[in-house]
All heavy atoms as atom14 arrays in JSON, in Angstrom:
{
  "sequence": "RVVKSPDGEVSLDLTGKKSGRGAYVCKKADCLKKARKKKAFERAF",
  "atom14_mask": [
    [1, 1, 1, 1, 1, 1, 1, 1, 1, 1, 1, 0, 0, 0],
    [1, 1, 1, 1, 1, 1, 1, 0, 0, 0, 0, 0, 0, 0],
    [1, 1, 1, 1, 1, 1, 1, 0, 0, 0, 0, 0, 0, 0],
    [1, 1, 1, 1, 1, 1, 1, 1, 1, 0, 0, 0, 0, 0],
    [1, 1, 1, 1, 1, 1, 0, 0, 0, 0, 0, 0, 0, 0],
    [1, 1, 1, 1, 1, 1, 1, 0, 0, 0, 0, 0, 0, 0],
    [1, 1, 1, 1, 1, 1, 1, 1, 0, 0, 0, 0, 0, 0],
    [1, 1, 1, 1, 0, 0, 0, 0, 0, 0, 0, 0, 0, 0],
    [1, 1, 1, 1, 1, 1, 1, 1, 1, 0, 0, 0, 0, 0],
    [1, 1, 1, 1, 1, 1, 1, 0, 0, 0, 0, 0, 0, 0],
    [1, 1, 1, 1, 1, 1, 0, 0, 0, 0, 0, 0, 0, 0],
    [1, 1, 1, 1, 1, 1, 1, 1, 0, 0, 0, 0, 0, 0],
    [1, 1, 1, 1, 1, 1, 1, 1, 0, 0, 0, 0, 0, 0],
    [1, 1, 1, 1, 1, 1, 1, 1, 0, 0, 0, 0, 0, 0],
    [1, 1, 1, 1, 1, 1, 1, 0, 0, 0, 0, 0, 0, 0],
    [1, 1, 1, 1, 0, 0, 0, 0, 0, 0, 0, 0, 0, 0],
    [1, 1, 1, 1, 1, 1, 1, 1, 1, 0, 0, 0, 0, 0],
    [1, 1, 1, 1, 1, 1, 1, 1, 1, 0, 0, 0, 0, 0],
    [1, 1, 1, 1, 1, 1, 0, 0, 0, 0, 0, 0, 0, 0],
    [1, 1, 1, 1, 0, 0, 0, 0, 0, 0, 0, 0, 0, 0],
    [1, 1, 1, 1, 1, 1, 1, 1, 1, 1, 1, 0, 0, 0],
    [1, 1, 1, 1, 0, 0, 0, 0, 0, 0, 0, 0, 0, 0],
    [1, 1, 1, 1, 1, 0, 0, 0, 0, 0, 0, 0, 0, 0],
    [1, 1, 1, 1, 1, 1, 1, 1, 1, 1, 1, 1, 0, 0],
    [1, 1, 1, 1, 1, 1, 1, 0, 0, 0, 0, 0, 0, 0],
    [1, 1, 1, 1, 1, 1, 0, 0, 0, 0, 0, 0, 0, 0],
    [1, 1, 1, 1, 1, 1, 1, 1, 1, 0, 0, 0, 0, 0],
    [1, 1, 1, 1, 1, 1, 1, 1, 1, 0, 0, 0, 0, 0],
    [1, 1, 1, 1, 1, 0, 0, 0, 0, 0, 0, 0, 0, 0],
    [1, 1, 1, 1, 1, 1, 1, 1, 0, 0, 0, 0, 0, 0],
    [1, 1, 1, 1, 1, 1, 0, 0, 0, 0, 0, 0, 0, 0],
    [1, 1, 1, 1, 1, 1, 1, 1, 0, 0, 0, 0, 0, 0],
    [1, 1, 1, 1, 1, 1, 1, 1, 1, 0, 0, 0, 0, 0],
    [1, 1, 1, 1, 1, 1, 1, 1, 1, 0, 0, 0, 0, 0],
    [1, 1, 1, 1, 1, 0, 0, 0, 0, 0, 0, 0, 0, 0],
    [1, 1, 1, 1, 1, 1, 1, 1, 1, 1, 1, 0, 0, 0],
    [1, 1, 1, 1, 1, 1, 1, 1, 1, 0, 0, 0, 0, 0],
    [1, 1, 1, 1, 1, 1, 1, 1, 1, 0, 0, 0, 0, 0],
    [1, 1, 1, 1, 1, 1, 1, 1, 1, 0, 0, 0, 0, 0],
    [1, 1, 1, 1, 1, 0, 0, 0, 0, 0, 0, 0, 0, 0],
    [1, 1, 1, 1, 1, 1, 1, 1, 1, 1, 1, 0, 0, 0],
    [1, 1, 1, 1, 1, 1, 1, 1, 1, 0, 0, 0, 0, 0],
    [1, 1, 1, 1, 1, 1, 1, 1, 1, 1, 1, 0, 0, 0],
    [1, 1, 1, 1, 1, 0, 0, 0, 0, 0, 0, 0, 0, 0],
    [1, 1, 1, 1, 1, 1, 1, 1, 1, 1, 1, 0, 0, 0]
  ],
  "atom14_positions": [
    [[-2.25, 7.28, -52.31], [-1.5, 7.48, -53.56], [-1.87, 8.82, -54.18], [-3.04, 9.17, -54.28], [-1.84, 6.35, -54.53], [-1.05, 6.38, -55.81], [-1.29, 5.07, -56.57], [-0.51, 5.05, -57.78], [-1.03, 5.05, -59.01], [-2.34, 5.05, -59.17], [-0.25, 5.04, -60.06], [0.0, 0.0, 0.0], [0.0, 0.0, 0.0], [0.0, 0.0, 0.0]],
    [[-0.86, 9.56, -54.56], [-1.04, 10.79, -55.33], [-0.61, 10.44, -56.74], [0.46, 9.88, -56.95], [-0.18, 11.94, -54.76], [-0.37, 13.2, -55.58], [-0.53, 12.2, -53.3], [0.0, 0.0, 0.0], [0.0, 0.0, 0.0], [0.0, 0.0, 0.0], [0.0, 0.0, 0.0], [0.0, 0.0, 0.0], [0.0, 0.0, 0.0], [0.0, 0.0, 0.0]],
    [[-1.46, 10.74, -57.71], [-1.2, 10.28, -59.07], [-1.17, 11.44, -60.05], [-1.92, 12.41, -59.91], [-2.26, 9.23, -59.49], [-3.63, 9.82, -59.59], [-1.89, 8.55, -60.78], [0.0, 0.0, 0.0], [0.0, 0.0, 0.0], [0.0, 0.0, 0.0], [0.0, 0.0, 0.0], [0.0, 0.0, 0.0], [0.0, 0.0, 0.0], [0.0, 0.0, 0.0]],
    [[-0.25, 11.35, -61.01], [-0.22, 12.28, -62.14], [-0.74, 11.5, -63.33], [-0.13, 10.55, -63.79], [1.19, 12.77, -62.41], [1.29, 13.69, -63.62], [2.72, 14.02, -63.93], [2.95, 13.76, -65.4], [4.32, 13.87, -65.81], [0.0, 0.0, 0.0], [0.0, 0.0, 0.0], [0.0, 0.0, 0.0], [0.0, 0.0, 0.0], [0.0, 0.0, 0.0]],
    [[-1.9, 11.9, -63.82], [-2.51, 11.19, -64.95], [-1.72, 11.45, -66.23], [-0.91, 12.38, -66.28], [-3.96, 11.65, -65.11], [-4.0, 13.01, -65.46], [0.0, 0.0, 0.0], [0.0, 0.0, 0.0], [0.0, 0.0, 0.0], [0.0, 0.0, 0.0], [0.0, 0.0, 0.0], [0.0, 0.0, 0.0], [0.0, 0.0, 0.0], [0.0, 0.0, 0.0]],
    [[-1.94, 10.64, -67.26], [-1.22, 10.83, -68.53], [-1.39, 12.22, -69.15], [-0.53, 12.68, -69.87], [-1.8, 9.76, -69.44], [-2.26, 8.69, -68.5], [-2.73, 9.42, -67.27], [0.0, 0.0, 0.0], [0.0, 0.0, 0.0], [0.0, 0.0, 0.0], [0.0, 0.0, 0.0], [0.0, 0.0, 0.0], [0.0, 0.0, 0.0], [0.0, 0.0, 0.0]],
    [[-2.51, 12.9, -68.83], [-2.71, 14.25, -69.37], [-2.12, 15.34, -68.46], [-2.29, 16.53, -68.74], [-4.19, 14.51, -69.65], [-5.06, 14.44, -68.41], [-4.66, 13.76, -67.45], [-6.15, 15.05, -68.39], [0.0, 0.0, 0.0], [0.0, 0.0, 0.0], [0.0, 0.0, 0.0], [0.0, 0.0, 0.0], [0.0, 0.0, 0.0], [0.0, 0.0, 0.0]],
    [[-1.44, 14.94, -67.36], [-0.72, 15.9, -66.52], [-1.49, 16.41, -65.32], [-1.01, 17.29, -64.61], [0.0, 0.0, 0.0], [0.0, 0.0, 0.0], [0.0, 0.0, 0.0], [0.0, 0.0, 0.0], [0.0, 0.0, 0.0], [0.0, 0.0, 0.0], [0.0, 0.0, 0.0], [0.0, 0.0, 0.0], [0.0, 0.0, 0.0], [0.0, 0.0, 0.0]],
    [[-2.65, 15.87, -65.02], [-3.45, 16.31, -63.87], [-3.01, 15.55, -62.62], [-2.88, 14.33, -62.63], [-4.94, 16.03, -64.14], [-5.85, 16.49, -63.04], [-7.29, 16.14, -63.33], [-7.66, 16.02, -64.49], [-8.05, 15.98, -62.35], [0.0, 0.0, 0.0], [0.0, 0.0, 0.0], [0.0, 0.0, 0.0], [0.0, 0.0, 0.0], [0.0, 0.0, 0.0]],
    [[-2.8, 16.28, -61.52], [-2.37, 15.68, -60.25], [-3.57, 15.62, -59.31], [-4.28, 16.61, -59.13], [-1.23, 16.5, -59.61], [-0.85, 15.93, -58.27], [-0.03, 16.55, -60.53], [0.0, 0.0, 0.0], [0.0, 0.0, 0.0], [0.0, 0.0, 0.0], [0.0, 0.0, 0.0], [0.0, 0.0, 0.0], [0.0, 0.0, 0.0], [0.0, 0.0, 0.0]],
    [[-3.8, 14.44, -58.71], [-4.92, 14.28, -57.79], [-4.64, 13.13, -56.83], [-3.71, 12.35, -57.03], [-6.21, 14.0, -58.56], [-6.1, 12.8, -59.27], [0.0, 0.0, 0.0], [0.0, 0.0, 0.0], [0.0, 0.0, 0.0], [0.0, 0.0, 0.0], [0.0, 0.0, 0.0], [0.0, 0.0, 0.0], [0.0, 0.0, 0.0], [0.0, 0.0, 0.0]],
    [[-5.48, 13.04, -55.79], [-5.38, 11.91, -54.85], [-6.08, 10.71, -55.46], [-7.09, 10.84, -56.14], [-6.07, 12.25, -53.53], [-5.3, 13.03, -52.5], [-6.13, 13.15, -51.23], [-3.96, 12.43, -52.18], [0.0, 0.0, 0.0], [0.0, 0.0, 0.0], [0.0, 0.0, 0.0], [0.0, 0.0, 0.0], [0.0, 0.0, 0.0], [0.0, 0.0, 0.0]],
    [[-5.52, 9.54, -55.2], [-6.11, 8.29, -55.67], [-6.39, 7.44, -54.43], [-5.54, 6.67, -54.0], [-5.14, 7.6, -56.62], [-5.69, 6.29, -57.16], [-6.88, 6.03, -56.98], [-4.9, 5.54, -57.75], [0.0, 0.0, 0.0], [0.0, 0.0, 0.0], [0.0, 0.0, 0.0], [0.0, 0.0, 0.0], [0.0, 0.0, 0.0], [0.0, 0.0, 0.0]],
    [[-7.55, 7.59, -53.87], [-7.9, 6.87, -52.64], [-8.11, 5.39, -52.9], [-7.96, 4.57, -51.99], [-9.13, 7.5, -51.99], [-8.97, 8.96, -51.55], [-10.29, 9.53, -51.06], [-7.91, 9.08, -50.47], [0.0, 0.0, 0.0], [0.0, 0.0, 0.0], [0.0, 0.0, 0.0], [0.0, 0.0, 0.0], [0.0, 0.0, 0.0], [0.0, 0.0, 0.0]],
    [[-8.44, 5.0, -54.14], [-8.65, 3.6, -54.47], [-7.35, 2.89, -54.82], [-7.24, 1.68, -54.69], [-9.62, 3.45, -55.65], [-9.04, 4.08, -56.8], [-10.97, 4.07, -55.34], [0.0, 0.0, 0.0], [0.0, 0.0, 0.0], [0.0, 0.0, 0.0], [0.0, 0.0, 0.0], [0.0, 0.0, 0.0], [0.0, 0.0, 0.0], [0.0, 0.0, 0.0]],
    [[-6.36, 3.64, -55.32], [-5.08, 3.05, -55.71], [-5.12, 2.42, -57.08], [-4.25, 1.64, -57.44], [0.0, 0.0, 0.0], [0.0, 0.0, 0.0], [0.0, 0.0, 0.0], [0.0, 0.0, 0.0], [0.0, 0.0, 0.0], [0.0, 0.0, 0.0], [0.0, 0.0, 0.0], [0.0, 0.0, 0.0], [0.0, 0.0, 0.0], [0.0, 0.0, 0.0]],
    [[-6.14, 2.74, -57.9], [-6.3, 2.08, -59.19], [-6.27, 3.02, -60.39], [-6.39, 2.58, -61.52], [-7.61, 1.29, -59.19], [-7.62, 0.19, -58.15], [-8.87, -0.64, -58.25], [-9.01, -1.54, -57.07], [-8.42, -2.81, -57.18], [0.0, 0.0, 0.0], [0.0, 0.0, 0.0], [0.0, 0.0, 0.0], [0.0, 0.0, 0.0], [0.0, 0.0, 0.0]],
    [[-6.11, 4.32, -60.16], [-6.07, 5.25, -61.29], [-4.79, 5.03, -62.09], [-3.76, 4.65, -61.54], [-6.09, 6.71, -60.8], [-7.42, 7.16, -60.27], [-7.35, 8.63, -59.9], [-8.65, 9.13, -59.34], [-8.55, 10.55, -58.95], [0.0, 0.0, 0.0], [0.0, 0.0, 0.0], [0.0, 0.0, 0.0], [0.0, 0.0, 0.0], [0.0, 0.0, 0.0]],
    [[-4.86, 5.28, -63.38], [-3.67, 5.1, -64.2], [-2.81, 6.35, -64.15], [-3.31, 7.46, -64.0], [-4.07, 4.81, -65.65], [-4.71, 5.93, -66.2], [0.0, 0.0, 0.0], [0.0, 0.0, 0.0], [0.0, 0.0, 0.0], [0.0, 0.0, 0.0], [0.0, 0.0, 0.0], [0.0, 0.0, 0.0], [0.0, 0.0, 0.0], [0.0, 0.0, 0.0]],
    [[-1.51, 6.15, -64.21], [-0.57, 7.26, -64.19], [0.56, 7.02, -63.21], [0.65, 5.99, -62.54], [0.0, 0.0, 0.0], [0.0, 0.0, 0.0], [0.0, 0.0, 0.0], [0.0, 0.0, 0.0], [0.0, 0.0, 0.0], [0.0, 0.0, 0.0], [0.0, 0.0, 0.0], [0.0, 0.0, 0.0], [0.0, 0.0, 0.0], [0.0, 0.0, 0.0]],
    [[1.45, 7.99, -63.14], [2.62, 7.92, -62.25], [2.16, 8.19, -60.83], [1.42, 9.14, -60.58], [3.61, 8.98, -62.7], [4.78, 9.16, -61.79], [5.99, 8.48, -62.36], [7.15, 8.8, -61.54], [7.92, 7.86, -61.04], [7.67, 6.61, -61.26], [8.96, 8.19, -60.31], [0.0, 0.0, 0.0], [0.0, 0.0, 0.0], [0.0, 0.0, 0.0]],
    [[2.6, 7.39, -59.87], [2.15, 7.52, -58.49], [3.26, 7.81, -57.51], [4.41, 7.44, -57.71], [0.0, 0.0, 0.0], [0.0, 0.0, 0.0], [0.0, 0.0, 0.0], [0.0, 0.0, 0.0], [0.0, 0.0, 0.0], [0.0, 0.0, 0.0], [0.0, 0.0, 0.0], [0.0, 0.0, 0.0], [0.0, 0.0, 0.0], [0.0, 0.0, 0.0]],
    [[2.9, 8.52, -56.45], [3.77, 8.74, -55.3], [2.87, 8.58, -54.08], [1.67, 8.79, -54.15], [4.38, 10.13, -55.35], [0.0, 0.0, 0.0], [0.0, 0.0, 0.0], [0.0, 0.0, 0.0], [0.0, 0.0, 0.0], [0.0, 0.0, 0.0], [0.0, 0.0, 0.0], [0.0, 0.0, 0.0], [0.0, 0.0, 0.0], [0.0, 0.0, 0.0]],
    [[3.47, 8.2, -52.96], [2.67, 7.86, -51.78], [2.94, 8.8, -50.62], [4.04, 9.33, -50.48], [2.96, 6.43, -51.35], [2.47, 5.42, -52.36], [3.26, 5.07, -53.45], [1.23, 4.84, -52.24], [2.81, 4.15, -54.38], [0.77, 3.91, -53.17], [1.57, 3.58, -54.24], [1.12, 2.69, -55.17], [0.0, 0.0, 0.0], [0.0, 0.0, 0.0]],
    [[1.91, 9.01, -49.79], [2.01, 9.85, -48.61], [1.14, 9.23, -47.52], [0.15, 8.56, -47.81], [1.6, 11.31, -48.93], [0.12, 11.42, -49.21], [2.01, 12.26, -47.83], [0.0, 0.0, 0.0], [0.0, 0.0, 0.0], [0.0, 0.0, 0.0], [0.0, 0.0, 0.0], [0.0, 0.0, 0.0], [0.0, 0.0, 0.0], [0.0, 0.0, 0.0]],
    [[1.54, 9.44, -46.26], [0.75, 8.96, -45.11], [-0.63, 9.6, -45.12], [-0.85, 10.62, -45.75], [1.45, 9.32, -43.8], [3.0, 8.49, -43.53], [0.0, 0.0, 0.0], [0.0, 0.0, 0.0], [0.0, 0.0, 0.0], [0.0, 0.0, 0.0], [0.0, 0.0, 0.0], [0.0, 0.0, 0.0], [0.0, 0.0, 0.0], [0.0, 0.0, 0.0]],
    [[-1.52, 9.01, -44.35], [-2.88, 9.55, -44.25], [-2.96, 10.67, -43.23], [-4.03, 10.96, -42.73], [-3.85, 8.43, -43.89], [-3.98, 7.39, -44.97], [-4.93, 6.29, -44.57], [-5.02, 5.25, -45.67], [-5.9, 4.14, -45.32], [0.0, 0.0, 0.0], [0.0, 0.0, 0.0], [0.0, 0.0, 0.0], [0.0, 0.0, 0.0], [0.0, 0.0, 0.0]],
    [[-1.82, 11.29, -42.92], [-1.77, 12.4, -41.97], [-1.54, 13.7, -42.72], [-0.75, 13.74, -43.66], [-0.64, 12.2, -40.97], [-0.74, 10.96, -40.15], [0.45, 10.86, -39.23], [0.99, 9.44, -39.31], [2.35, 9.32, -38.92], [0.0, 0.0, 0.0], [0.0, 0.0, 0.0], [0.0, 0.0, 0.0], [0.0, 0.0, 0.0], [0.0, 0.0, 0.0]],
    [[-2.19, 14.76, -42.29], [-2.02, 16.06, -42.93], [-0.6, 16.58, -42.74], [-0.07, 17.29, -43.61], [-3.03, 17.06, -42.37], [0.0, 0.0, 0.0], [0.0, 0.0, 0.0], [0.0, 0.0, 0.0], [0.0, 0.0, 0.0], [0.0, 0.0, 0.0], [0.0, 0.0, 0.0], [0.0, 0.0, 0.0], [0.0, 0.0, 0.0], [0.0, 0.0, 0.0]],
    [[0.05, 16.2, -41.63], [1.43, 16.65, -41.38], [2.39, 16.14, -42.45], [3.26, 16.88, -42.9], [1.91, 16.16, -40.0], [1.19, 16.85, -38.86], [0.56, 17.9, -39.1], [1.26, 16.33, -37.74], [0.0, 0.0, 0.0], [0.0, 0.0, 0.0], [0.0, 0.0, 0.0], [0.0, 0.0, 0.0], [0.0, 0.0, 0.0], [0.0, 0.0, 0.0]],
    [[2.24, 14.9, -42.84], [3.13, 14.34, -43.87], [2.9, 15.01, -45.21], [3.84, 15.23, -45.96], [2.93, 12.84, -43.98], [3.78, 11.92, -42.69], [0.0, 0.0, 0.0], [0.0, 0.0, 0.0], [0.0, 0.0, 0.0], [0.0, 0.0, 0.0], [0.0, 0.0, 0.0], [0.0, 0.0, 0.0], [0.0, 0.0, 0.0], [0.0, 0.0, 0.0]],
    [[1.65, 15.34, -45.52], [1.37, 16.04, -46.76], [2.0, 17.43, -46.74], [2.57, 17.87, -47.74], [-0.14, 16.15, -47.0], [-0.56, 16.81, -48.31], [-0.07, 16.0, -49.5], [-2.06, 16.97, -48.37], [0.0, 0.0, 0.0], [0.0, 0.0, 0.0], [0.0, 0.0, 0.0], [0.0, 0.0, 0.0], [0.0, 0.0, 0.0], [0.0, 0.0, 0.0]],
    [[1.97, 18.08, -45.58], [2.6, 19.4, -45.47], [4.12, 19.3, -45.62], [4.74, 20.16, -46.25], [2.24, 20.04, -44.13], [0.79, 20.49, -44.06], [0.42, 21.04, -42.71], [-1.07, 21.34, -42.67], [-1.53, 21.73, -41.34], [0.0, 0.0, 0.0], [0.0, 0.0, 0.0], [0.0, 0.0, 0.0], [0.0, 0.0, 0.0], [0.0, 0.0, 0.0]],
    [[4.72, 18.25, -45.06], [6.16, 18.04, -45.21], [6.53, 17.82, -46.67], [7.51, 18.37, -47.17], [6.63, 16.84, -44.38], [6.7, 17.09, -42.9], [7.16, 15.82, -42.21], [7.0, 15.91, -40.7], [7.35, 14.63, -40.04], [0.0, 0.0, 0.0], [0.0, 0.0, 0.0], [0.0, 0.0, 0.0], [0.0, 0.0, 0.0], [0.0, 0.0, 0.0]],
    [[5.74, 16.99, -47.35], [5.99, 16.71, -48.77], [5.83, 17.98, -49.6], [6.58, 18.22, -50.55], [5.05, 15.63, -49.26], [0.0, 0.0, 0.0], [0.0, 0.0, 0.0], [0.0, 0.0, 0.0], [0.0, 0.0, 0.0], [0.0, 0.0, 0.0], [0.0, 0.0, 0.0], [0.0, 0.0, 0.0], [0.0, 0.0, 0.0], [0.0, 0.0, 0.0]],
    [[4.86, 18.8, -49.22], [4.64, 20.07, -49.92], [5.82, 21.01, -49.73], [6.28, 21.63, -50.68], [3.36, 20.71, -49.38], [2.97, 21.99, -50.04], [1.67, 22.51, -49.43], [1.17, 23.66, -50.13], [0.0, 24.24, -49.89], [-0.8, 23.73, -48.96], [-0.38, 25.28, -50.56], [0.0, 0.0, 0.0], [0.0, 0.0, 0.0], [0.0, 0.0, 0.0]],
    [[6.33, 21.07, -48.5], [7.46, 21.94, -48.19], [8.72, 21.49, -48.93], [9.48, 22.32, -49.43], [7.7, 21.95, -46.68], [8.73, 22.95, -46.23], [8.84, 22.97, -44.71], [9.87, 23.98, -44.27], [10.02, 24.01, -42.82], [0.0, 0.0, 0.0], [0.0, 0.0, 0.0], [0.0, 0.0, 0.0], [0.0, 0.0, 0.0], [0.0, 0.0, 0.0]],
    [[8.94, 20.17, -48.99], [10.12, 19.62, -49.66], [9.97, 19.59, -51.19], [10.92, 19.26, -51.88], [10.37, 18.17, -49.19], [10.78, 18.06, -47.75], [11.31, 16.68, -47.41], [10.33, 15.57, -47.58], [10.8, 14.28, -47.04], [0.0, 0.0, 0.0], [0.0, 0.0, 0.0], [0.0, 0.0, 0.0], [0.0, 0.0, 0.0], [0.0, 0.0, 0.0]],
    [[8.75, 19.88, -51.67], [8.43, 19.81, -53.11], [8.68, 18.4, -53.65], [9.16, 18.21, -54.76], [9.19, 20.85, -53.9], [8.84, 22.27, -53.5], [9.46, 23.28, -54.42], [9.03, 24.66, -53.92], [9.34, 25.69, -54.88], [0.0, 0.0, 0.0], [0.0, 0.0, 0.0], [0.0, 0.0, 0.0], [0.0, 0.0, 0.0], [0.0, 0.0, 0.0]],
    [[8.35, 17.42, -52.84], [8.61, 16.02, -53.19], [7.76, 15.56, -54.37], [8.26, 14.85, -55.25], [8.34, 15.12, -51.98], [0.0, 0.0, 0.0], [0.0, 0.0, 0.0], [0.0, 0.0, 0.0], [0.0, 0.0, 0.0], [0.0, 0.0, 0.0], [0.0, 0.0, 0.0], [0.0, 0.0, 0.0], [0.0, 0.0, 0.0], [0.0, 0.0, 0.0]],
    [[6.5, 15.96, -54.43], [5.64, 15.55, -55.53], [6.07, 16.23, -56.83], [6.01, 15.63, -57.9], [4.17, 15.87, -55.24], [3.61, 15.09, -54.09], [3.05, 15.73, -53.0], [3.64, 13.7, -54.09], [2.55, 15.01, -51.94], [3.13, 12.97, -53.04], [2.58, 13.63, -51.96], [0.0, 0.0, 0.0], [0.0, 0.0, 0.0], [0.0, 0.0, 0.0]],
    [[6.51, 17.46, -56.72], [6.97, 18.18, -57.91], [8.19, 17.49, -58.51], [8.32, 17.38, -59.73], [7.25, 19.64, -57.57], [5.99, 20.38, -57.17], [6.22, 21.84, -56.81], [7.3, 22.37, -57.09], [5.28, 22.43, -56.27], [0.0, 0.0, 0.0], [0.0, 0.0, 0.0], [0.0, 0.0, 0.0], [0.0, 0.0, 0.0], [0.0, 0.0, 0.0]],
    [[9.09, 17.0, -57.64], [10.26, 16.27, -58.14], [9.86, 14.92, -58.71], [10.38, 14.48, -59.74], [11.29, 16.07, -57.02], [12.28, 17.19, -56.95], [13.39, 16.92, -55.96], [12.92, 17.3, -54.61], [12.79, 16.47, -53.59], [13.14, 15.23, -53.69], [12.34, 16.9, -52.44], [0.0, 0.0, 0.0], [0.0, 0.0, 0.0], [0.0, 0.0, 0.0]],
    [[8.94, 14.25, -58.05], [8.52, 12.92, -58.5], [7.79, 12.97, -59.85], [7.96, 12.08, -60.68], [7.6, 12.28, -57.46], [0.0, 0.0, 0.0], [0.0, 0.0, 0.0], [0.0, 0.0, 0.0], [0.0, 0.0, 0.0], [0.0, 0.0, 0.0], [0.0, 0.0, 0.0], [0.0, 0.0, 0.0], [0.0, 0.0, 0.0], [0.0, 0.0, 0.0]],
    [[7.02, 14.02, -60.06], [6.22, 14.12, -61.28], [6.85, 15.0, -62.36], [6.4, 15.01, -63.49], [4.82, 14.64, -60.96], [4.05, 13.75, -60.03], [3.27, 14.3, -59.02], [4.1, 12.37, -60.13], [2.55, 13.49, -58.15], [3.38, 11.55, -59.26], [2.61, 12.12, -58.28], [0.0, 0.0, 0.0], [0.0, 0.0, 0.0], [0.0, 0.0, 0.0]]
  ]
}
């Protein structure tokens, strides 16, 4: 889970319990690179 906290900070949430808006990505670096290229997290947050 990638989470945007209420104060606007974006970080990985390995536990899945942080508060805030979440988006998900595979545990592969390739999928993170694809999401980065598509600007998927920027659109989600």
